[in-house]
Amino acid sequence: MNRLTTLIIFIALTLTGLNASAQGSLSSLDDLLKQVQDGTFRENQQNRAREQEFVQNRGRQQELLQQANRERTNLENESARMEREFEENEVALAELREQLSVRMGSLRELFGVLQTAAGDARGNFESSMTNIEFPERAAFLTTLSEKMGSTTELASLEEIEQLWYELQREMTEQGKLKRFSTNVVSASGEETTMDVIRIGVFNLVSDGKYLNYSDPGTGGTGIVSELQRQPQARYIDAVNELENSSSGIVGFGIDPSRGLLLSMLVQTPNLRERIDQGGTVGYIIISLGLIGATIAILRFILLLVVSGQVASQKRNPGKASKKNPLGRVLSVYQENKGIDLESLELRLGEAVLKETPKLQRFNMMLKVIAVVAPLLGLLGTVTGMITTFQAITLFGAGDPKMMAGGISTALVTTVLGLCVAIPMVMLHTLVAGRSKSLIEVLEEQATGMVAEYSEKADKAS
């Protein structure tokens, strides 16, 4: 009984489409039955109204059919008229095209040349630095090129003269040095309006720095940006001199490739970067070189002072001073005049030997540094080549950048080792030669004193 009741309620709601919220809730099956009867009654009324309307319009069916036939006939007549008009227009258009071709004659080649010239000029102008000042000419050249490619439009005399003017202006601007204001993107990414100087179509500079102009490629104005890295100081000095000058001739480095050579120049590593490429071995070589150079300079200065003292002592041998090597040797001679000749000779030889280590101090260290520096360079070379071969093993030899680090280490350490070894050899030779000359002076003076003492002993006997 419950299932039957539920089925009846579902069928009743489906057939009547009643809304419970609008009609109110059902209180009993009698109410539901009443609503079903009311819905059936309304549906019967709607059906009878439709039948009456159909019966009334049945008499007009023939009239509507005749009206539709008349409209179809009118449309067919209009279509035939338009087809005849289209055929007549096709014939007239063919005659006009033939007439245009006859009248153009040799001018067709001229317009072809104009189209090519306009297209080439547009490409050249977009990549030129003058496009910063004259961006409007790109739109004119695009329009002119499209018109030249059309078969229904011809370029006017004014447009041809305008193309001539733009070409002539570009050639004129290439030989000028101009100052103007434009938007510049700094190295930090900020865009500001700055005064720039354009040197022909080769370089842009501003505020003591080189600028880069990027080709827009698809029309419009390119972007002017500051180089992320500026070239060497001598080029920057030329930029400052150019900006501060108002007349006359100023030396300036021009990039004829319009930025290509400059971009390669700024990528060249400076001295600090070269040293960094040497790695740990390179820093060790440089440290040894600085230590050796410091020792050599100090020793050379000291030996110069000692040489002056020895020279002064030679001019005054009677007054021995223990503040210089020769004075100390003379003091030994003066203190041992009463002994025999052999003992005096031994005493003087001993005094010279005592002075020799002082005069030759650190000479061996300089020599060792001069020998070790190229060996360290060779060590860095071997280390760099090992790194290079490891890169080749892992990534192959197709990309040179993968091997650049190892090759740089290999070459830079060799250069650093030679740069340290060559001057160290020269400094060692200079210092050793100075100390050796002083030792020879001491030996000469000691031999002279022994000879003088021997002569005196012979005369006394």
Protein backbone atom coordinates (compact mmCIF):
# COMPACT_ATOMS: atom_id res chain seq x y z
CA MET A 1 0.00 0.00 0.00
CA ASN A 2 2.82 2.39 0.81
CA ARG A 3 4.59 1.72 -2.51
CA LEU A 4 1.34 2.29 -4.43
CA THR A 5 0.76 5.59 -2.62
CA THR A 6 4.27 6.78 -3.37
CA LEU A 7 3.90 5.85 -7.06
CA ILE A 8 0.60 7.75 -7.32
CA ILE A 9 2.12 10.86 -5.74
CA PHE A 10 5.13 10.72 -8.10
CA ILE A 11 2.92 10.33 -11.22
CA ALA A 12 0.64 13.12 -10.05
CA LEU A 13 3.52 15.56 -9.53
CA THR A 14 5.09 14.62 -12.86
CA LEU A 15 1.88 15.10 -14.88
CA THR A 16 0.71 18.31 -13.23
CA GLY A 17 4.08 19.98 -12.65
CA LEU A 18 2.74 21.49 -9.46
CA ASN A 19 5.04 23.34 -7.15
CA ALA A 20 4.51 22.31 -3.56
CA SER A 21 5.74 25.69 -2.26
CA ALA A 22 3.25 27.59 -4.50
CA GLN A 23 0.25 25.30 -4.08
CA GLY A 24 0.77 24.53 -0.43
CA SER A 25 1.39 21.20 1.19
CA LEU A 26 -0.98 18.24 0.65
CA SER A 27 -3.00 17.25 3.67
CA SER A 28 -4.69 14.10 2.29
CA LEU A 29 -5.13 11.89 -0.72
CA ASP A 30 -8.38 13.69 -1.52
CA ASP A 31 -6.49 16.93 -2.02
CA LEU A 32 -4.05 15.14 -4.30
CA LEU A 33 -6.91 13.67 -6.32
CA LYS A 34 -8.51 17.11 -6.64
CA GLN A 35 -5.28 18.64 -7.93
CA VAL A 36 -4.91 15.87 -10.53
CA GLN A 37 -8.47 16.50 -11.73
CA ASP A 38 -7.82 20.25 -11.97
CA GLY A 39 -4.63 19.67 -13.99
CA THR A 40 -6.40 17.32 -16.39
CA PHE A 41 -9.16 19.87 -16.89
CA ARG A 42 -6.68 22.64 -17.74
CA GLU A 43 -4.83 20.43 -20.21
CA ASN A 44 -8.08 19.59 -21.97
CA GLN A 45 -8.91 23.28 -22.27
CA GLN A 46 -5.45 24.04 -23.84
CA ASN A 47 -5.82 21.21 -26.34
CA ARG A 48 -9.26 22.42 -27.42
CA ALA A 49 -7.84 25.95 -27.92
CA ARG A 50 -5.08 24.61 -30.13
CA GLU A 51 -7.57 22.63 -32.20
CA GLN A 52 -9.77 25.72 -32.72
CA GLU A 53 -6.71 27.78 -33.81
CA PHE A 54 -5.71 25.09 -36.31
CA VAL A 55 -9.21 24.97 -37.78
CA GLN A 56 -9.29 28.77 -38.14
CA ASN A 57 -5.90 28.90 -39.92
CA ARG A 58 -6.63 25.99 -42.23
CA GLY A 59 -8.50 28.31 -44.57
CA ARG A 60 -5.39 30.57 -44.99
CA GLN A 61 -3.03 27.77 -45.96
CA GLN A 62 -3.46 28.38 -49.67
CA GLU A 63 -2.92 32.11 -49.24
CA LEU A 64 0.33 31.54 -47.31
CA LEU A 65 1.57 29.12 -49.96
CA GLN A 66 0.95 31.63 -52.75
CA GLN A 67 2.78 34.33 -50.76
CA ALA A 68 5.80 32.05 -50.30
CA ASN A 69 5.86 31.26 -54.05
CA ARG A 70 5.83 34.98 -54.92
CA GLU A 71 8.76 35.63 -52.56
CA ARG A 72 10.70 32.75 -54.09
CA THR A 73 10.12 34.10 -57.61
CA ASN A 74 11.32 37.58 -56.57
CA LEU A 75 14.47 36.16 -55.00
CA GLU A 76 15.23 34.07 -58.09
CA ASN A 77 14.85 37.14 -60.32
CA GLU A 78 17.16 39.14 -57.99
CA SER A 79 19.73 36.36 -58.07
CA ALA A 80 19.71 36.24 -61.85
CA ARG A 81 20.14 40.00 -62.01
CA MET A 82 23.11 39.93 -59.63
CA GLU A 83 24.75 37.12 -61.62
CA ARG A 84 24.47 39.14 -64.81
CA GLU A 85 25.90 42.20 -63.00
CA PHE A 86 28.78 40.12 -61.60
CA GLU A 87 29.65 38.81 -65.07
CA GLU A 88 29.56 42.31 -66.49
CA ASN A 89 31.82 43.54 -63.65
CA GLU A 90 34.27 40.72 -64.29
CA VAL A 91 34.53 41.72 -67.95
CA ALA A 92 34.93 45.39 -67.06
CA LEU A 93 37.56 44.57 -64.41
CA ALA A 94 39.56 42.49 -66.89
CA GLU A 95 39.48 45.38 -69.37
CA LEU A 96 40.61 47.83 -66.67
CA ARG A 97 43.46 45.55 -65.61
CA GLU A 98 44.62 45.23 -69.19
CA GLN A 99 44.37 48.98 -69.59
CA LEU A 100 46.38 49.48 -66.34
CA SER A 101 49.05 47.06 -67.51
CA VAL A 102 49.37 48.90 -70.86
CA ARG A 103 49.58 52.31 -69.24
CA MET A 104 52.11 51.23 -66.58
CA GLY A 105 54.51 49.77 -69.13
CA SER A 106 58.08 50.21 -67.89
CA LEU A 107 56.85 51.81 -64.66
CA ARG A 108 56.12 48.33 -63.35
CA GLU A 109 59.85 47.72 -62.90
CA LEU A 110 60.17 51.10 -61.20
CA PHE A 111 57.51 50.23 -58.65
CA GLY A 112 59.15 46.86 -58.10
CA VAL A 113 62.43 48.61 -57.33
CA LEU A 114 60.59 51.01 -55.02
CA GLN A 115 59.03 48.11 -53.15
CA THR A 116 62.41 46.44 -52.69
CA ALA A 117 64.01 49.71 -51.61
CA ALA A 118 61.25 50.42 -49.13
CA GLY A 119 61.51 46.95 -47.60
CA ASP A 120 65.31 47.09 -47.33
CA ALA A 121 65.21 50.60 -45.91
CA ARG A 122 62.70 49.56 -43.27
CA GLY A 123 64.98 46.73 -42.11
CA ASN A 124 68.06 48.95 -42.08
CA PHE A 125 66.31 51.77 -40.28
CA GLU A 126 64.94 49.51 -37.55
CA SER A 127 68.44 48.27 -36.73
CA SER A 128 69.96 51.76 -36.97
CA MET A 129 70.52 53.96 -33.91
CA THR A 130 68.86 56.83 -35.75
CA ASN A 131 65.56 54.98 -35.28
CA ILE A 132 65.59 56.28 -31.69
CA GLU A 133 65.08 59.82 -33.00
CA PHE A 134 62.88 59.03 -36.02
CA PRO A 135 60.60 56.11 -35.09
CA GLU A 136 57.73 57.36 -37.28
CA ARG A 137 59.44 56.47 -40.57
CA ALA A 138 58.95 52.72 -39.96
CA ALA A 139 55.16 53.06 -40.33
CA PHE A 140 55.55 55.07 -43.55
CA LEU A 141 57.89 52.52 -45.10
CA THR A 142 55.60 49.65 -44.12
CA THR A 143 52.63 51.35 -45.77
CA LEU A 144 54.65 52.19 -48.87
CA SER A 145 55.95 48.62 -49.20
CA GLU A 146 52.43 47.19 -48.92
CA LYS A 147 51.13 49.66 -51.49
CA MET A 148 53.91 48.75 -53.91
CA GLY A 149 52.97 45.09 -53.55
CA SER A 150 49.34 45.76 -54.38
CA THR A 151 48.04 45.55 -57.96
CA THR A 152 45.33 48.15 -57.43
CA GLU A 153 47.28 51.01 -55.80
CA LEU A 154 50.20 53.10 -56.98
CA ALA A 155 52.64 55.23 -55.01
CA SER A 156 52.19 58.95 -55.38
CA LEU A 157 54.97 61.31 -56.33
CA GLU A 158 54.98 62.70 -52.78
CA GLU A 159 55.51 59.22 -51.33
CA ILE A 160 58.41 58.53 -53.71
CA GLU A 161 60.00 61.83 -52.71
CA GLN A 162 59.44 60.97 -49.05
CA LEU A 163 61.32 57.67 -49.54
CA TRP A 164 64.16 59.58 -51.19
CA TYR A 165 64.20 62.02 -48.28
CA GLU A 166 64.34 59.25 -45.65
CA LEU A 167 67.24 57.53 -47.42
CA GLN A 168 69.13 60.80 -47.72
CA ARG A 169 68.46 61.69 -44.07
CA GLU A 170 69.78 58.32 -42.92
CA MET A 171 73.02 58.81 -44.86
CA THR A 172 73.39 62.33 -43.46
CA GLU A 173 72.74 61.27 -39.85
CA GLN A 174 75.36 58.52 -40.09
CA GLY A 175 78.07 61.17 -40.18
CA LYS A 176 76.75 63.30 -37.31
CA LEU A 177 77.42 63.47 -33.60
CA LYS A 178 74.12 64.35 -31.89
CA ARG A 179 72.90 64.93 -28.37
CA PHE A 180 69.28 64.14 -27.47
CA SER A 181 67.15 62.74 -24.66
CA THR A 182 65.66 59.28 -24.57
CA ASN A 183 64.68 56.54 -22.14
CA VAL A 184 67.61 54.46 -20.91
CA VAL A 185 67.42 51.22 -18.91
CA SER A 186 70.13 51.21 -16.26
CA ALA A 187 72.15 48.16 -15.19
CA SER A 188 69.78 47.73 -12.23
CA GLY A 189 66.73 47.60 -14.53
CA GLU A 190 65.35 51.10 -13.85
CA GLU A 191 64.20 53.15 -16.85
CA THR A 192 64.97 56.88 -16.76
CA THR A 193 65.15 59.72 -19.27
CA MET A 194 68.78 60.71 -19.89
CA ASP A 195 70.79 62.88 -22.26
CA VAL A 196 72.72 60.63 -24.63
CA ILE A 197 75.26 61.22 -27.39
CA ARG A 198 74.99 59.30 -30.64
CA ILE A 199 78.25 58.92 -32.57
CA GLY A 200 77.01 58.32 -36.09
CA VAL A 201 75.33 54.91 -36.11
CA PHE A 202 78.15 53.22 -34.21
CA ASN A 203 77.94 54.03 -30.50
CA LEU A 204 75.70 55.54 -27.84
CA VAL A 205 77.18 57.03 -24.65
CA SER A 206 75.73 58.74 -21.61
CA ASP A 207 76.96 59.77 -18.17
CA GLY A 208 80.46 58.42 -18.84
CA LYS A 209 79.21 54.98 -19.90
CA TYR A 210 78.66 53.05 -23.10
CA LEU A 211 75.07 52.18 -24.00
CA ASN A 212 73.62 49.35 -26.04
CA TYR A 213 70.83 49.63 -28.62
CA SER A 214 68.74 46.51 -29.19
CA ASP A 215 67.08 46.01 -32.56
CA PRO A 216 63.25 45.82 -32.14
CA GLY A 217 63.00 43.42 -35.08
CA THR A 218 59.25 43.86 -35.70
CA GLY A 219 58.93 47.61 -35.90
CA GLY A 220 58.88 50.36 -33.35
CA THR A 221 61.79 51.71 -31.34
CA GLY A 222 64.49 49.52 -29.87
CA ILE A 223 65.56 49.59 -26.23
CA VAL A 224 68.53 51.68 -25.12
CA SER A 225 70.20 50.09 -22.11
CA GLU A 226 73.40 50.51 -20.16
CA LEU A 227 76.05 47.86 -20.67
CA GLN A 228 76.14 45.49 -17.72
CA ARG A 229 79.91 45.74 -17.84
CA GLN A 230 81.89 48.69 -19.13
CA PRO A 231 85.15 48.42 -21.12
CA GLN A 232 88.59 49.38 -19.84
CA ALA A 233 89.33 52.73 -18.21
CA ARG A 234 90.96 54.24 -21.28
CA TYR A 235 87.71 53.87 -23.22
CA ILE A 236 85.69 55.38 -20.37
CA ASP A 237 88.12 58.33 -20.23
CA ALA A 238 87.46 58.92 -23.93
CA VAL A 239 83.71 58.98 -23.22
CA ASN A 240 84.15 61.58 -20.46
CA GLU A 241 86.34 63.69 -22.70
CA LEU A 242 83.75 63.54 -25.47
CA GLU A 243 80.88 64.53 -23.16
CA ASN A 244 82.81 67.46 -21.71
CA SER A 245 83.94 68.82 -25.08
CA SER A 246 81.92 71.29 -27.15
CA SER A 247 84.19 71.62 -30.18
CA GLY A 248 87.44 70.43 -31.66
CA ILE A 249 88.79 66.92 -32.20
CA VAL A 250 88.42 64.29 -29.48
CA GLY A 251 89.89 60.78 -29.54
CA PHE A 252 87.18 58.14 -29.24
CA GLY A 253 86.98 54.40 -29.80
CA ILE A 254 84.27 53.66 -32.40
CA ASP A 255 82.74 50.22 -32.83
CA PRO A 256 82.10 49.81 -36.58
CA SER A 257 80.14 46.61 -35.95
CA ARG A 258 77.47 48.59 -34.04
CA GLY A 259 78.02 46.88 -30.70
CA LEU A 260 79.36 43.45 -31.62
CA LEU A 261 83.03 44.23 -31.00
CA LEU A 262 82.17 46.22 -27.89
CA SER A 263 80.20 43.31 -26.43
CA MET A 264 83.18 41.03 -27.06
CA LEU A 265 85.57 43.58 -25.58
CA VAL A 266 83.69 43.87 -22.30
CA GLN A 267 83.68 40.08 -21.98
CA THR A 268 87.49 40.02 -21.98
CA PRO A 269 88.56 39.23 -18.40
CA ASN A 270 90.56 41.86 -16.58
CA LEU A 271 93.72 41.27 -14.55
CA ARG A 272 91.84 40.30 -11.40
CA GLU A 273 89.68 37.83 -13.27
CA ARG A 274 92.73 36.36 -14.98
CA ILE A 275 94.31 35.81 -11.58
CA ASP A 276 91.11 34.24 -10.25
CA GLN A 277 91.20 31.78 -13.13
CA GLY A 278 94.50 30.46 -11.75
CA GLY A 279 92.77 29.18 -8.63
CA THR A 280 94.61 28.25 -5.45
CA VAL A 281 97.86 27.45 -7.23
CA GLY A 282 97.84 30.86 -8.86
CA TYR A 283 97.44 32.63 -5.52
CA ILE A 284 100.30 30.60 -4.04
CA ILE A 285 102.56 31.60 -6.94
CA ILE A 286 101.64 35.26 -6.54
CA SER A 287 102.26 35.09 -2.78
CA LEU A 288 105.72 33.61 -3.34
CA GLY A 289 106.44 36.29 -5.91
CA LEU A 290 105.46 39.08 -3.50
CA ILE A 291 107.54 37.57 -0.71
CA GLY A 292 110.54 37.15 -2.99
CA ALA A 293 110.22 40.65 -4.43
CA THR A 294 109.99 42.17 -0.94
CA ILE A 295 113.06 40.29 0.25
CA ALA A 296 115.02 41.16 -2.86
CA ILE A 297 114.21 44.86 -2.66
CA LEU A 298 115.03 45.08 1.03
CA ARG A 299 118.27 43.14 0.59
CA PHE A 300 119.30 45.26 -2.37
CA ILE A 301 118.71 48.47 -0.42
CA LEU A 302 120.64 47.09 2.55
CA LEU A 303 123.55 46.03 0.33
CA LEU A 304 123.60 49.48 -1.25
CA VAL A 305 123.92 51.01 2.21
CA VAL A 306 126.65 48.53 3.15
CA SER A 307 128.44 49.26 -0.14
CA GLY A 308 128.47 52.95 0.74
CA GLN A 309 129.84 52.22 4.19
CA VAL A 310 132.54 49.93 2.78
CA ALA A 311 133.51 52.54 0.19
CA SER A 312 133.79 55.15 2.93
CA GLN A 313 135.86 52.77 5.04
CA LYS A 314 138.24 52.13 2.14
CA ARG A 315 138.93 55.84 1.91
CA ASN A 316 139.76 55.95 5.62
CA PRO A 317 141.49 52.61 6.44
CA GLY A 318 143.31 53.97 9.48
CA LYS A 319 140.11 54.48 11.46
CA ALA A 320 138.27 51.16 11.58
CA SER A 321 134.51 51.17 12.36
CA LYS A 322 132.73 48.08 13.50
CA LYS A 323 129.49 49.28 11.89
CA ASN A 324 130.48 47.91 8.49
CA PRO A 325 132.01 44.60 7.33
CA LEU A 326 135.30 46.11 6.14
CA GLY A 327 135.71 48.01 9.40
CA ARG A 328 135.27 44.84 11.37
CA VAL A 329 137.91 43.07 9.25
CA LEU A 330 140.30 46.02 9.75
CA SER A 331 139.64 45.85 13.47
CA VAL A 332 140.81 42.22 13.50
CA TYR A 333 143.97 43.26 11.65
CA GLN A 334 144.69 46.10 14.03
CA GLU A 335 144.06 43.97 17.09
CA ASN A 336 146.41 41.19 15.96
CA LYS A 337 149.45 43.00 14.60
CA GLY A 338 151.80 41.31 17.03
CA ILE A 339 151.14 37.72 15.99
CA ASP A 340 152.86 35.73 13.29
CA LEU A 341 151.90 35.99 9.63
CA GLU A 342 150.08 32.66 9.34
CA SER A 343 147.98 33.33 12.44
CA LEU A 344 147.07 36.78 11.14
CA GLU A 345 146.10 35.33 7.78
CA LEU A 346 143.86 32.81 9.52
CA ARG A 347 142.30 35.48 11.72
CA LEU A 348 141.53 37.68 8.73
CA GLY A 349 140.13 34.74 6.80
CA GLU A 350 137.93 33.94 9.75
CA ALA A 351 136.69 37.55 9.90
CA VAL A 352 135.81 37.49 6.19
CA LEU A 353 133.96 34.20 6.61
CA LYS A 354 131.95 35.70 9.47
CA GLU A 355 130.82 38.56 7.24
CA THR A 356 129.96 36.34 4.24
CA PRO A 357 126.68 34.81 5.63
CA LYS A 358 125.41 38.26 6.54
CA LEU A 359 126.04 39.54 3.04
CA GLN A 360 124.54 36.44 1.37
CA ARG A 361 121.52 36.18 3.63
CA PHE A 362 118.22 35.21 1.81
CA ASN A 363 120.05 34.74 -1.50
CA MET A 364 119.24 31.05 -1.43
CA MET A 365 115.57 31.78 -0.69
CA LEU A 366 115.36 34.01 -3.76
CA LYS A 367 116.92 31.27 -5.82
CA VAL A 368 114.46 28.69 -4.46
CA ILE A 369 111.48 30.94 -5.26
CA ALA A 370 112.76 31.44 -8.79
CA VAL A 371 112.93 27.66 -9.24
CA VAL A 372 109.69 26.73 -7.43
CA ALA A 373 107.46 29.30 -9.20
CA PRO A 374 107.53 27.65 -12.67
CA LEU A 375 107.17 24.23 -11.03
CA LEU A 376 103.99 25.44 -9.30
CA GLY A 377 102.84 26.77 -12.67
CA LEU A 378 103.40 23.32 -14.13
CA LEU A 379 101.41 21.84 -11.25
CA GLY A 380 98.52 24.18 -12.02
CA THR A 381 98.76 23.24 -15.69
CA VAL A 382 98.49 19.54 -14.91
CA THR A 383 95.58 20.17 -12.52
CA GLY A 384 93.76 22.24 -15.13
CA MET A 385 94.24 19.60 -17.81
CA ILE A 386 92.87 16.95 -15.47
CA THR A 387 89.78 19.10 -14.95
CA THR A 388 89.47 19.56 -18.71
CA PHE A 389 89.66 15.83 -19.41
CA GLN A 390 87.07 15.17 -16.73
CA ALA A 391 84.72 17.64 -18.43
CA ILE A 392 85.32 15.95 -21.77
CA THR A 393 84.57 12.56 -20.23
CA LEU A 394 81.30 13.75 -18.71
CA PHE A 395 79.96 16.12 -21.35
CA GLY A 396 81.97 15.44 -24.49
CA ALA A 397 83.99 17.91 -26.52
CA GLY A 398 81.05 19.59 -28.28
CA ASP A 399 80.79 22.62 -25.98
CA PRO A 400 84.08 24.49 -25.45
CA LYS A 401 82.60 26.39 -22.50
CA MET A 402 82.53 23.19 -20.47
CA MET A 403 86.31 22.95 -20.83
CA ALA A 404 87.09 26.64 -20.49
CA GLY A 405 87.60 26.53 -16.71
CA GLY A 406 90.24 23.80 -16.79
CA ILE A 407 92.04 25.32 -19.78
CA SER A 408 92.11 28.74 -18.08
CA THR A 409 93.63 27.24 -14.94
CA ALA A 410 96.19 25.35 -17.02
CA LEU A 411 97.32 28.39 -18.99
CA VAL A 412 97.06 31.07 -16.30
CA THR A 413 99.13 29.20 -13.72
CA THR A 414 101.87 28.64 -16.30
CA VAL A 415 101.90 32.35 -17.11
CA LEU A 416 101.93 33.30 -13.43
CA GLY A 417 104.80 30.91 -12.73
CA LEU A 418 106.88 32.41 -15.53
CA CYS A 419 105.94 35.96 -14.55
CA VAL A 420 107.24 35.28 -11.05
CA ALA A 421 110.27 33.20 -12.01
CA ILE A 422 111.72 35.57 -14.62
CA PRO A 423 111.93 38.68 -12.40
CA MET A 424 113.02 36.57 -9.42
CA VAL A 425 115.98 35.26 -11.42
CA MET A 426 116.93 38.81 -12.30
CA LEU A 427 116.52 40.02 -8.72
CA HIS A 428 118.51 37.08 -7.39
CA THR A 429 121.28 37.81 -9.86
CA LEU A 430 121.30 41.47 -8.90
CA VAL A 431 121.34 40.85 -5.15
CA ALA A 432 123.83 37.97 -5.36
CA GLY A 433 126.11 40.04 -7.57
CA ARG A 434 126.06 42.93 -5.11
CA SER A 435 126.82 40.69 -2.14
CA LYS A 436 129.55 38.88 -4.07
CA SER A 437 131.22 42.18 -4.94
CA LEU A 438 131.25 43.15 -1.28
CA ILE A 439 132.75 39.79 -0.30
CA GLU A 440 135.43 40.25 -2.97
CA VAL A 441 136.24 43.67 -1.50
CA LEU A 442 136.65 42.12 1.92
CA GLU A 443 138.85 39.33 0.57
CA GLU A 444 140.90 41.83 -1.42
CA GLN A 445 141.43 44.07 1.59
CA ALA A 446 142.30 41.09 3.82
CA THR A 447 144.84 39.83 1.27
CA GLY A 448 146.30 43.32 1.03
CA MET A 449 146.64 43.58 4.76
CA VAL A 450 148.38 40.20 4.90
CA ALA A 451 150.77 41.29 2.16
CA GLU A 452 151.49 44.57 3.91
CA TYR A 453 152.13 42.79 7.18
CA SER A 454 154.46 40.33 5.45
CA GLU A 455 156.50 43.16 3.92
CA LYS A 456 156.85 44.84 7.26
CA ALA A 457 157.99 41.57 8.85
CA ASP A 458 160.59 41.06 6.09
CA LYS A 459 161.96 44.57 6.58
CA ALA A 460 162.13 44.13 10.30
CA SER A 461 164.12 40.92 9.93
